[in-house]
Amino acid sequence: MGFSFRISEAEYVLSATSHVKGHTSSKVGLCIYFILSAMCLHLLIMLTYSQITSTERLPLRLALALYLPFIGLIVVPALWHIVWVPRRFARNYRKSQVLQSEMRVAFSTRGFSRDADFGEPVRTGWERYRYWREFHDIILLVESSNDWEFTPISMKGLQDWQRENLRELMSGILPKK
């Protein structure tokens, strides 16, 4: 099965950020984040309670310095998911002439090949990929060596029966996550 496609920056960023959000390390990071948030919230409550009940007040600068870790636990993850991760993938897209060009792909039970207007043609066996995922009409072939490295394949121009054939072929070869 073979076809050609062009992927836009918005499609690439949307599918890549969806992949990152669903990744196992993101879930572990979320658990660690909640534990640290609970600790900081406890510290914040204890500090506030001691400020209310104590006759001696802490200097304002010291009190603000003690509140900063709690504020940081809210702001930094929000910036990470909303700003830095999408910017990273957008920058990767803009740097890669291969991602911006028309790509031609061919699938078989033995392997996968990709040819673009720029760069060398890629022909690999399925052992290079660990699993595949689908987000927003884009299939991501996730590489075995690194879960953060993937090959995007857009299904926007395909008809419904072609999409189903591609999904069946991919499911028979690689596990879907």
C-alpha atoms as a PDB file:
ATOM      1  CA  MET A   1       0.000   0.000   0.000  1.00  0.00           C
ATOM      2  CA  GLY A   2       1.436   3.358  -0.952  1.00  0.00           C
ATOM      3  CA  PHE A   3       0.341   7.006  -1.039  1.00  0.00           C
ATOM      4  CA  SER A   4       1.685  10.535  -0.737  1.00  0.00           C
ATOM      5  CA  PHE A   5       0.867  13.311   1.698  1.00  0.00           C
ATOM      6  CA  ARG A   6       1.992  16.636   3.085  1.00  0.00           C
ATOM      7  CA  ILE A   7       1.763  17.358   6.795  1.00  0.00           C
ATOM      8  CA  SER A   8       1.261  20.891   8.119  1.00  0.00           C
ATOM      9  CA  GLU A   9       3.037  22.359  11.123  1.00  0.00           C
ATOM     10  CA  ALA A  10      -0.211  22.558  13.101  1.00  0.00           C
ATOM     11  CA  GLU A  11      -1.023  18.888  12.416  1.00  0.00           C
ATOM     12  CA  TYR A  12       2.482  17.795  13.368  1.00  0.00           C
ATOM     13  CA  VAL A  13       2.529  19.807  16.612  1.00  0.00           C
ATOM     14  CA  LEU A  14      -0.970  18.653  17.600  1.00  0.00           C
ATOM     15  CA  SER A  15      -0.215  14.961  17.079  1.00  0.00           C
ATOM     16  CA  ALA A  16       3.232  15.204  18.714  1.00  0.00           C
ATOM     17  CA  THR A  17       1.910  16.961  21.825  1.00  0.00           C
ATOM     18  CA  SER A  18      -0.900  14.395  22.052  1.00  0.00           C
ATOM     19  CA  HIS A  19       1.733  11.639  21.951  1.00  0.00           C
ATOM     20  CA  VAL A  20       3.716  13.313  24.750  1.00  0.00           C
ATOM     21  CA  LYS A  21       0.619  13.798  26.933  1.00  0.00           C
ATOM     22  CA  GLY A  22      -0.296  10.122  26.644  1.00  0.00           C
ATOM     23  CA  HIS A  23       3.214   8.869  27.299  1.00  0.00           C
ATOM     24  CA  THR A  24       3.995   6.767  30.377  1.00  0.00           C
ATOM     25  CA  SER A  25       6.722   9.083  31.639  1.00  0.00           C
ATOM     26  CA  SER A  26       4.207  11.935  31.550  1.00  0.00           C
ATOM     27  CA  LYS A  27       1.931   9.920  33.851  1.00  0.00           C
ATOM     28  CA  VAL A  28       4.817   9.209  36.239  1.00  0.00           C
ATOM     29  CA  GLY A  29       5.736  12.887  36.125  1.00  0.00           C
ATOM     30  CA  LEU A  30       2.131  13.772  36.911  1.00  0.00           C
ATOM     31  CA  CYS A  31       2.211  11.535  40.016  1.00  0.00           C
ATOM     32  CA  ILE A  32       5.453  13.145  41.184  1.00  0.00           C
ATOM     33  CA  TYR A  33       3.925  16.554  40.502  1.00  0.00           C
ATOM     34  CA  PHE A  34       0.886  15.754  42.672  1.00  0.00           C
ATOM     35  CA  ILE A  35       3.089  14.503  45.523  1.00  0.00           C
ATOM     36  CA  LEU A  36       5.217  17.668  45.416  1.00  0.00           C
ATOM     37  CA  SER A  37       2.079  19.800  45.167  1.00  0.00           C
ATOM     38  CA  ALA A  38       0.608  18.107  48.224  1.00  0.00           C
ATOM     39  CA  MET A  39       3.826  18.709  50.161  1.00  0.00           C
ATOM     40  CA  CYS A  40       3.901  22.371  49.157  1.00  0.00           C
ATOM     41  CA  LEU A  41       0.217  22.767  49.934  1.00  0.00           C
ATOM     42  CA  HIS A  42       0.849  21.307  53.385  1.00  0.00           C
ATOM     43  CA  LEU A  43       3.738  23.739  53.857  1.00  0.00           C
ATOM     44  CA  LEU A  44       1.549  26.594  52.667  1.00  0.00           C
ATOM     45  CA  ILE A  45      -1.269  25.700  55.067  1.00  0.00           C
ATOM     46  CA  MET A  46       1.133  25.330  58.001  1.00  0.00           C
ATOM     47  CA  LEU A  47       2.821  28.639  57.174  1.00  0.00           C
ATOM     48  CA  THR A  48      -0.485  30.448  56.855  1.00  0.00           C
ATOM     49  CA  TYR A  49      -1.800  28.918  60.085  1.00  0.00           C
ATOM     50  CA  SER A  50       1.353  29.878  61.964  1.00  0.00           C
ATOM     51  CA  GLN A  51       1.105  33.431  60.581  1.00  0.00           C
ATOM     52  CA  ILE A  52      -2.495  33.737  61.789  1.00  0.00           C
ATOM     53  CA  THR A  53      -1.997  32.237  65.249  1.00  0.00           C
ATOM     54  CA  SER A  54       1.428  33.659  66.053  1.00  0.00           C
ATOM     55  CA  THR A  55       1.873  37.002  67.770  1.00  0.00           C
ATOM     56  CA  GLU A  56       5.136  37.555  65.912  1.00  0.00           C
ATOM     57  CA  ARG A  57       4.874  38.038  62.148  1.00  0.00           C
ATOM     58  CA  LEU A  58       7.365  36.848  59.594  1.00  0.00           C
ATOM     59  CA  PRO A  59       8.896  39.542  57.430  1.00  0.00           C
ATOM     60  CA  LEU A  60       7.050  39.872  54.109  1.00  0.00           C
ATOM     61  CA  ARG A  61      10.109  38.887  52.051  1.00  0.00           C
ATOM     62  CA  LEU A  62      10.573  35.671  54.019  1.00  0.00           C
ATOM     63  CA  ALA A  63       6.886  34.810  53.785  1.00  0.00           C
ATOM     64  CA  LEU A  64       6.937  35.364  49.986  1.00  0.00           C
ATOM     65  CA  ALA A  65      10.077  33.240  49.669  1.00  0.00           C
ATOM     66  CA  LEU A  66       8.317  30.403  51.485  1.00  0.00           C
ATOM     67  CA  TYR A  67       5.280  30.680  49.160  1.00  0.00           C
ATOM     68  CA  LEU A  68       7.392  30.577  45.980  1.00  0.00           C
ATOM     69  CA  PRO A  69       7.750  26.764  45.741  1.00  0.00           C
ATOM     70  CA  PHE A  70       3.969  26.388  45.687  1.00  0.00           C
ATOM     71  CA  ILE A  71       3.599  29.020  42.984  1.00  0.00           C
ATOM     72  CA  GLY A  72       6.421  27.365  41.007  1.00  0.00           C
ATOM     73  CA  LEU A  73       4.675  23.995  41.109  1.00  0.00           C
ATOM     74  CA  ILE A  74       1.673  25.560  39.407  1.00  0.00           C
ATOM     75  CA  VAL A  75       3.404  27.816  36.878  1.00  0.00           C
ATOM     76  CA  VAL A  76       6.265  25.629  35.613  1.00  0.00           C
ATOM     77  CA  PRO A  77       4.183  22.560  34.567  1.00  0.00           C
ATOM     78  CA  ALA A  78       1.592  24.820  32.975  1.00  0.00           C
ATOM     79  CA  LEU A  79       4.283  26.570  30.932  1.00  0.00           C
ATOM     80  CA  TRP A  80       5.835  23.208  30.085  1.00  0.00           C
ATOM     81  CA  HIS A  81       2.652  21.748  28.570  1.00  0.00           C
ATOM     82  CA  ILE A  82       1.206  24.922  27.092  1.00  0.00           C
ATOM     83  CA  VAL A  83       4.297  26.690  25.747  1.00  0.00           C
ATOM     84  CA  TRP A  84       7.593  24.761  25.734  1.00  0.00           C
ATOM     85  CA  VAL A  85       6.514  21.339  24.400  1.00  0.00           C
ATOM     86  CA  PRO A  86       4.528  22.714  21.426  1.00  0.00           C
ATOM     87  CA  ARG A  87       7.325  25.181  20.647  1.00  0.00           C
ATOM     88  CA  ARG A  88       9.877  22.377  20.618  1.00  0.00           C
ATOM     89  CA  PHE A  89       7.889  20.356  18.084  1.00  0.00           C
ATOM     90  CA  ALA A  90       7.132  23.459  15.990  1.00  0.00           C
ATOM     91  CA  ARG A  91      10.861  24.242  15.905  1.00  0.00           C
ATOM     92  CA  ASN A  92      11.637  20.647  14.893  1.00  0.00           C
ATOM     93  CA  TYR A  93       9.091  20.932  12.076  1.00  0.00           C
ATOM     94  CA  ARG A  94      10.493  24.248  10.804  1.00  0.00           C
ATOM     95  CA  LYS A  95      14.064  22.883  10.864  1.00  0.00           C
ATOM     96  CA  SER A  96      13.193  19.725   8.916  1.00  0.00           C
ATOM     97  CA  GLN A  97      12.811  20.117   5.170  1.00  0.00           C
ATOM     98  CA  VAL A  98      11.675  16.492   4.997  1.00  0.00           C
ATOM     99  CA  LEU A  99       8.654  17.145   7.240  1.00  0.00           C
ATOM    100  CA  GLN A 100       7.681  20.207   5.222  1.00  0.00           C
ATOM    101  CA  SER A 101       7.915  18.502   1.828  1.00  0.00           C
ATOM    102  CA  GLU A 102       5.629  16.124  -0.022  1.00  0.00           C
ATOM    103  CA  MET A 103       6.258  12.618   1.296  1.00  0.00           C
ATOM    104  CA  ARG A 104       5.626   9.351  -0.491  1.00  0.00           C
ATOM    105  CA  VAL A 105       5.248   6.254   1.664  1.00  0.00           C
ATOM    106  CA  ALA A 106       4.836   2.557   0.959  1.00  0.00           C
ATOM    107  CA  PHE A 107       3.851  -0.134   3.446  1.00  0.00           C
ATOM    108  CA  SER A 108       4.342  -3.859   3.199  1.00  0.00           C
ATOM    109  CA  THR A 109       4.474  -6.715   5.655  1.00  0.00           C
ATOM    110  CA  ARG A 110       8.292  -6.674   5.420  1.00  0.00           C
ATOM    111  CA  GLY A 111       8.919  -2.988   5.976  1.00  0.00           C
ATOM    112  CA  PHE A 112       8.231   0.659   5.454  1.00  0.00           C
ATOM    113  CA  SER A 113       9.683   3.128   2.962  1.00  0.00           C
ATOM    114  CA  ARG A 114       9.494   6.902   2.837  1.00  0.00           C
ATOM    115  CA  ASP A 115      10.721   9.188   0.112  1.00  0.00           C
ATOM    116  CA  ALA A 116      10.578  12.973   0.183  1.00  0.00           C
ATOM    117  CA  ASP A 117      11.650  15.835  -2.062  1.00  0.00           C
ATOM    118  CA  PHE A 118      14.539  16.523   0.343  1.00  0.00           C
ATOM    119  CA  GLY A 119      16.825  14.079   2.064  1.00  0.00           C
ATOM    120  CA  GLU A 120      17.610  10.453   1.434  1.00  0.00           C
ATOM    121  CA  PRO A 121      14.902   7.815   0.931  1.00  0.00           C
ATOM    122  CA  VAL A 122      14.265   5.735   4.051  1.00  0.00           C
ATOM    123  CA  ARG A 123      13.628   2.011   3.756  1.00  0.00           C
ATOM    124  CA  THR A 124      13.479   0.073   6.992  1.00  0.00           C
ATOM    125  CA  GLY A 125      12.107  -3.094   8.468  1.00  0.00           C
ATOM    126  CA  TRP A 126       9.431  -3.030  11.137  1.00  0.00           C
ATOM    127  CA  GLU A 127      11.973  -3.924  13.830  1.00  0.00           C
ATOM    128  CA  ARG A 128      12.990  -0.256  13.870  1.00  0.00           C
ATOM    129  CA  TYR A 129       9.591   0.673  15.325  1.00  0.00           C
ATOM    130  CA  ARG A 130       8.185  -0.320  18.714  1.00  0.00           C
ATOM    131  CA  TYR A 131       4.509   0.615  18.284  1.00  0.00           C
ATOM    132  CA  TRP A 132       2.170   2.994  16.492  1.00  0.00           C
ATOM    133  CA  ARG A 133      -0.361   5.540  17.652  1.00  0.00           C
ATOM    134  CA  GLU A 134      -3.052   7.544  15.891  1.00  0.00           C
ATOM    135  CA  PHE A 135      -3.915  11.147  16.686  1.00  0.00           C
ATOM    136  CA  HIS A 136      -6.013  13.545  14.618  1.00  0.00           C
ATOM    137  CA  ASP A 137      -5.756  11.549  11.335  1.00  0.00           C
ATOM    138  CA  ILE A 138      -2.002  11.150  11.774  1.00  0.00           C
ATOM    139  CA  ILE A 139      -0.247   7.865  12.469  1.00  0.00           C
ATOM    140  CA  LEU A 140       2.928   8.097  14.509  1.00  0.00           C
ATOM    141  CA  LEU A 141       5.395   5.234  14.082  1.00  0.00           C
ATOM    142  CA  VAL A 142       7.346   5.316  17.352  1.00  0.00           C
ATOM    143  CA  GLU A 143      10.942   4.165  17.078  1.00  0.00           C
ATOM    144  CA  SER A 144      12.385   1.358  19.199  1.00  0.00           C
ATOM    145  CA  SER A 145      15.429   3.311  20.305  1.00  0.00           C
ATOM    146  CA  ASN A 146      13.579   6.327  21.705  1.00  0.00           C
ATOM    147  CA  ASP A 147       9.881   6.894  22.462  1.00  0.00           C
ATOM    148  CA  TRP A 148      10.303  10.589  21.679  1.00  0.00           C
ATOM    149  CA  GLU A 149      11.409   9.863  18.101  1.00  0.00           C
ATOM    150  CA  PHE A 150       8.640   9.060  15.653  1.00  0.00           C
ATOM    151  CA  THR A 151       7.677   9.174  11.990  1.00  0.00           C
ATOM    152  CA  PRO A 152       4.401  10.996  11.241  1.00  0.00           C
ATOM    153  CA  ILE A 153       2.113   9.767   8.461  1.00  0.00           C
ATOM    154  CA  SER A 154      -0.932  11.830   7.553  1.00  0.00           C
ATOM    155  CA  MET A 155      -4.132  10.033   6.494  1.00  0.00           C
ATOM    156  CA  LYS A 156      -6.057  13.205   5.579  1.00  0.00           C
ATOM    157  CA  GLY A 157      -6.115  12.552   1.829  1.00  0.00           C
ATOM    158  CA  LEU A 158      -7.106   8.899   2.140  1.00  0.00           C
ATOM    159  CA  GLN A 159     -10.588   7.540   1.691  1.00  0.00           C
ATOM    160  CA  ASP A 160     -12.256   5.677   4.561  1.00  0.00           C
ATOM    161  CA  TRP A 161     -11.574   2.206   3.118  1.00  0.00           C
ATOM    162  CA  GLN A 162      -7.900   3.104   2.616  1.00  0.00           C
ATOM    163  CA  ARG A 163      -7.643   4.277   6.210  1.00  0.00           C
ATOM    164  CA  GLU A 164      -9.159   1.030   7.462  1.00  0.00           C
ATOM    165  CA  ASN A 165      -6.791  -1.029   5.293  1.00  0.00           C
ATOM    166  CA  LEU A 166      -3.823   0.926   6.667  1.00  0.00           C
ATOM    167  CA  ARG A 167      -5.001   0.463  10.266  1.00  0.00           C
ATOM    168  CA  GLU A 168      -5.480  -3.281   9.701  1.00  0.00           C
ATOM    169  CA  LEU A 169      -2.018  -3.599   8.147  1.00  0.00           C
ATOM    170  CA  MET A 170      -0.423  -1.646  10.998  1.00  0.00           C
ATOM    171  CA  SER A 171      -2.308  -3.645  13.657  1.00  0.00           C
ATOM    172  CA  GLY A 172      -1.111  -6.903  12.128  1.00  0.00           C
ATOM    173  CA  ILE A 173       2.525  -5.770  12.242  1.00  0.00           C
ATOM    174  CA  LEU A 174       3.004  -3.500  15.276  1.00  0.00           C
ATOM    175  CA  PRO A 175       1.103  -3.116  18.546  1.00  0.00           C
ATOM    176  CA  LYS A 176      -1.114  -0.061  18.831  1.00  0.00           C
ATOM    177  CA  LYS A 177      -0.955   2.128  21.937  1.00  0.00           C
END
